[in-house]
């Protein structure tokens, strides 16, 4: 929060991007955004902002996404999404890539009024974030991977935990039995489990299902 104020921003979000077989999924590690704003905007848009064309690595001068100039962002966001961001107090957003080991981390800094954020201070803040986060890699990794499953993997594990067979889960989800087995296999691998039972137990203990 102190760093956010120092650069003239109102809000921050630390985002980890996790690959799975369906998509790049955004995991919010830390943020002071209003919960309802995150729900309205959605993880897909957050992932897009984090990995967009305006995202910069440390040492490169950042350029903001300004909601009022959405048509000039080459399809990064739609006009409707831009208006929503503006209304929610994110008229100007900077996306910064953070080099922290093998983690794909991004910091989003935003302000309710475009032009409020100090760019030179923002560049220094980016380096400070990289330095600080590099000292707690285990905590960052744990937060990023708190729920490593895709929606489908989670659904499959849930129905199997309820005693459904692979064929029954396939009917419920409207996919083939092979697809269900594939989702479950991915879930087992992500949990480093040796079988379905262990994966289900891990998911239940973690509150994922």
Protein backbone atom coordinates (compact mmCIF):
# COMPACT_ATOMS: atom_id res chain seq x y z
CA UNK A 1 0.00 0.00 0.00
CA UNK A 2 2.83 2.43 0.80
CA UNK A 3 4.46 1.74 -2.56
CA UNK A 4 1.12 2.33 -4.30
CA UNK A 5 0.78 5.74 -2.68
CA UNK A 6 4.40 6.67 -3.47
CA UNK A 7 3.83 6.33 -7.21
CA UNK A 8 0.48 8.13 -7.21
CA UNK A 9 -1.66 5.04 -7.78
CA UNK A 10 -4.92 4.20 -6.02
CA UNK A 11 -4.93 0.44 -6.51
CA UNK A 12 -2.56 -2.47 -6.99
CA UNK A 13 -2.86 -6.13 -7.89
CA UNK A 14 -0.18 -8.83 -7.82
CA UNK A 15 -1.11 -11.49 -10.37
CA UNK A 16 0.40 -14.90 -11.09
CA UNK A 17 -0.33 -16.52 -14.45
CA UNK A 18 -0.67 -20.29 -14.35
CA UNK A 19 -0.77 -22.42 -17.50
CA UNK A 20 -3.23 -25.27 -17.82
CA UNK A 21 -4.49 -27.19 -20.82
CA UNK A 22 -7.48 -24.89 -21.32
CA UNK A 23 -6.14 -21.38 -20.82
CA UNK A 24 -3.79 -19.04 -19.03
CA UNK A 25 -5.42 -18.62 -15.63
CA UNK A 26 -4.93 -15.55 -13.43
CA UNK A 27 -4.26 -16.13 -9.74
CA UNK A 28 -4.58 -13.00 -7.61
CA UNK A 29 -1.81 -13.21 -5.03
CA UNK A 30 -2.51 -9.85 -3.37
CA UNK A 31 -4.71 -6.86 -4.15
CA UNK A 32 -6.58 -3.91 -2.71
CA UNK A 33 -9.19 -3.92 -5.47
CA UNK A 34 -12.80 -4.07 -4.29
CA UNK A 35 -13.97 -7.69 -4.41
CA UNK A 36 -17.05 -6.80 -6.48
CA UNK A 37 -14.81 -5.10 -9.05
CA UNK A 38 -12.76 -8.28 -9.47
CA UNK A 39 -15.95 -10.31 -9.86
CA UNK A 40 -17.37 -7.90 -12.46
CA UNK A 41 -14.17 -7.64 -14.48
CA UNK A 42 -13.38 -11.35 -14.32
CA UNK A 43 -10.18 -13.38 -14.33
CA UNK A 44 -10.04 -13.53 -18.14
CA UNK A 45 -9.74 -9.76 -18.49
CA UNK A 46 -7.27 -9.58 -15.60
CA UNK A 47 -5.08 -12.19 -17.30
CA UNK A 48 -5.34 -10.22 -20.54
CA UNK A 49 -4.30 -6.99 -18.85
CA UNK A 50 -1.37 -8.69 -17.14
CA UNK A 51 -0.02 -10.18 -20.36
CA UNK A 52 -1.09 -7.46 -22.79
CA UNK A 53 0.95 -5.58 -25.36
CA UNK A 54 1.53 -2.72 -22.91
CA UNK A 55 3.13 -4.94 -20.26
CA UNK A 56 6.82 -4.14 -19.78
CA UNK A 57 9.83 -5.83 -18.20
CA UNK A 58 12.00 -4.08 -15.60
CA UNK A 59 14.04 -1.22 -17.04
CA UNK A 60 11.64 -0.44 -19.88
CA UNK A 61 9.58 2.74 -19.78
CA UNK A 62 5.96 1.75 -19.13
CA UNK A 63 2.93 3.00 -21.02
CA UNK A 64 -0.54 3.03 -19.51
CA UNK A 65 -3.77 1.56 -20.70
CA UNK A 66 -6.13 4.53 -20.53
CA UNK A 67 -9.77 3.48 -20.43
CA UNK A 68 -10.97 6.57 -22.30
CA UNK A 69 -8.71 5.66 -25.23
CA UNK A 70 -9.79 2.01 -25.48
CA UNK A 71 -10.20 2.09 -29.30
CA UNK A 72 -6.47 2.86 -29.55
CA UNK A 73 -5.35 -0.24 -27.63
CA UNK A 74 -5.42 -2.60 -30.65
CA UNK A 75 -8.12 -4.84 -29.25
CA UNK A 76 -6.56 -5.26 -25.81
CA UNK A 77 -9.92 -4.47 -24.25
CA UNK A 78 -13.37 -3.73 -25.66
CA UNK A 79 -15.18 -0.43 -25.31
CA UNK A 80 -17.56 -2.00 -22.81
CA UNK A 81 -14.67 -3.35 -20.72
CA UNK A 82 -12.98 0.06 -20.81
CA UNK A 83 -16.13 1.80 -19.56
CA UNK A 84 -16.45 -0.76 -16.77
CA UNK A 85 -12.84 -0.22 -15.68
CA UNK A 86 -13.35 3.55 -15.71
CA UNK A 87 -16.53 3.36 -13.62
CA UNK A 88 -14.82 1.05 -11.11
CA UNK A 89 -11.98 3.53 -10.55
CA UNK A 90 -9.33 2.14 -12.91
CA UNK A 91 -9.17 4.85 -15.58
CA UNK A 92 -5.42 4.29 -16.00
CA UNK A 93 -3.66 0.94 -15.60
CA UNK A 94 0.01 0.01 -15.86
CA UNK A 95 1.06 -3.63 -16.20
CA UNK A 96 4.57 -4.58 -15.08
CA UNK A 97 6.28 -7.93 -15.45
CA UNK A 98 8.17 -9.02 -12.34
CA UNK A 99 11.24 -11.23 -12.61
CA UNK A 100 10.98 -13.59 -9.64
CA UNK A 101 12.58 -16.96 -10.31
CA UNK A 102 10.39 -19.13 -12.52
CA UNK A 103 7.13 -17.53 -11.42
CA UNK A 104 5.16 -15.55 -14.00
CA UNK A 105 4.23 -12.57 -11.86
CA UNK A 106 2.75 -9.25 -12.88
CA UNK A 107 1.91 -6.08 -10.97
CA UNK A 108 -1.03 -3.95 -12.04
CA UNK A 109 -1.08 -0.39 -10.72
CA UNK A 110 -4.10 1.78 -11.45
CA UNK A 111 -5.57 5.18 -10.70
CA UNK A 112 -9.06 6.65 -10.86
CA UNK A 113 -7.74 9.64 -12.81
CA UNK A 114 -5.56 9.21 -15.91
CA UNK A 115 -2.14 10.83 -15.59
CA UNK A 116 -1.94 10.42 -11.82
CA UNK A 117 0.81 7.78 -11.75
CA UNK A 118 4.44 8.94 -11.76
CA UNK A 119 6.24 6.90 -14.45
CA UNK A 120 9.83 7.25 -13.14
CA UNK A 121 8.62 6.31 -9.64
CA UNK A 122 6.73 3.38 -11.17
CA UNK A 123 9.91 2.04 -12.77
CA UNK A 124 11.68 2.19 -9.42
CA UNK A 125 8.71 0.49 -7.77
CA UNK A 126 8.92 -2.34 -10.30
CA UNK A 127 12.52 -3.05 -9.28
CA UNK A 128 11.59 -2.86 -5.59
CA UNK A 129 8.83 -5.42 -6.16
CA UNK A 130 11.20 -7.81 -7.93
CA UNK A 131 13.75 -7.50 -5.13
CA UNK A 132 11.24 -7.93 -2.31
CA UNK A 133 9.40 -10.88 -3.87
CA UNK A 134 12.65 -12.70 -4.68
CA UNK A 135 13.17 -13.12 -0.92
CA UNK A 136 9.91 -15.06 -0.44
CA UNK A 137 9.71 -17.41 -3.46
CA UNK A 138 8.06 -20.24 -1.53
CA UNK A 139 5.26 -18.02 -0.25
CA UNK A 140 4.65 -16.60 -3.70
CA UNK A 141 4.59 -20.05 -5.28
CA UNK A 142 2.16 -21.32 -2.66
CA UNK A 143 -0.18 -18.37 -3.14
CA UNK A 144 -0.07 -18.65 -6.92
CA UNK A 145 -0.81 -22.37 -6.87
CA UNK A 146 -3.42 -22.35 -4.10
CA UNK A 147 -5.96 -23.72 -6.59
CA UNK A 148 -4.04 -25.09 -9.59
CA UNK A 149 -7.03 -26.81 -11.18
CA UNK A 150 -9.04 -25.65 -14.16
CA UNK A 151 -12.82 -25.46 -13.80
CA UNK A 152 -13.28 -28.77 -15.65
CA UNK A 153 -10.63 -30.55 -13.59
CA UNK A 154 -12.31 -29.32 -10.43
CA UNK A 155 -15.73 -30.48 -11.63
CA UNK A 156 -14.44 -33.93 -12.55
CA UNK A 157 -12.75 -34.42 -9.19
CA UNK A 158 -15.87 -33.22 -7.39
CA UNK A 159 -18.18 -35.68 -9.14
CA UNK A 160 -15.74 -38.56 -8.66
CA UNK A 161 -15.54 -37.66 -4.96
CA UNK A 162 -19.34 -37.95 -4.91
CA UNK A 163 -19.05 -41.55 -6.10
CA UNK A 164 -19.80 -41.02 -9.78
CA UNK A 165 -18.14 -43.25 -12.37
CA UNK A 166 -16.16 -41.86 -15.28
CA UNK A 167 -19.07 -42.56 -17.65
CA UNK A 168 -21.53 -40.84 -15.32
CA UNK A 169 -19.30 -37.77 -15.03
CA UNK A 170 -19.02 -37.69 -18.83
CA UNK A 171 -22.82 -37.59 -19.15
CA UNK A 172 -23.14 -34.87 -16.50
CA UNK A 173 -20.54 -32.64 -18.18
CA UNK A 174 -21.49 -33.48 -21.75
CA UNK A 175 -18.04 -34.73 -22.75
CA UNK A 176 -16.50 -38.09 -23.58
CA UNK A 177 -15.18 -40.55 -20.99
CA UNK A 178 -11.69 -40.10 -22.43
CA UNK A 179 -11.94 -36.36 -21.83
CA UNK A 180 -12.98 -36.93 -18.22
CA UNK A 181 -10.02 -39.27 -17.71
CA UNK A 182 -7.73 -36.65 -19.23
CA UNK A 183 -8.97 -33.94 -16.84
CA UNK A 184 -8.56 -36.24 -13.86
CA UNK A 185 -5.05 -37.23 -14.98
CA UNK A 186 -4.07 -33.55 -15.20
CA UNK A 187 -5.48 -32.95 -11.72
CA UNK A 188 -3.50 -35.89 -10.32
CA UNK A 189 -0.32 -34.53 -11.91
CA UNK A 190 -0.87 -31.00 -10.59
CA UNK A 191 -1.27 -32.31 -7.06
CA UNK A 192 1.72 -34.65 -7.48
CA UNK A 193 -0.61 -37.42 -6.31
CA UNK A 194 -0.21 -41.09 -7.15
CA UNK A 195 -3.89 -41.79 -7.81
CA UNK A 196 -7.41 -40.35 -7.86
CA UNK A 197 -8.03 -40.95 -4.18
CA UNK A 198 -4.95 -38.96 -3.17
CA UNK A 199 -5.85 -36.13 -5.57
CA UNK A 200 -9.38 -35.97 -4.16
CA UNK A 201 -8.06 -36.00 -0.58
CA UNK A 202 -5.68 -33.14 -1.37
CA UNK A 203 -8.42 -31.12 -3.06
CA UNK A 204 -10.77 -31.60 -0.10
CA UNK A 205 -8.10 -30.66 2.46
CA UNK A 206 -7.28 -27.54 0.45
CA UNK A 207 -10.93 -26.54 0.19
CA UNK A 208 -10.82 -26.75 -3.60
CA UNK A 209 -13.77 -29.14 -3.79
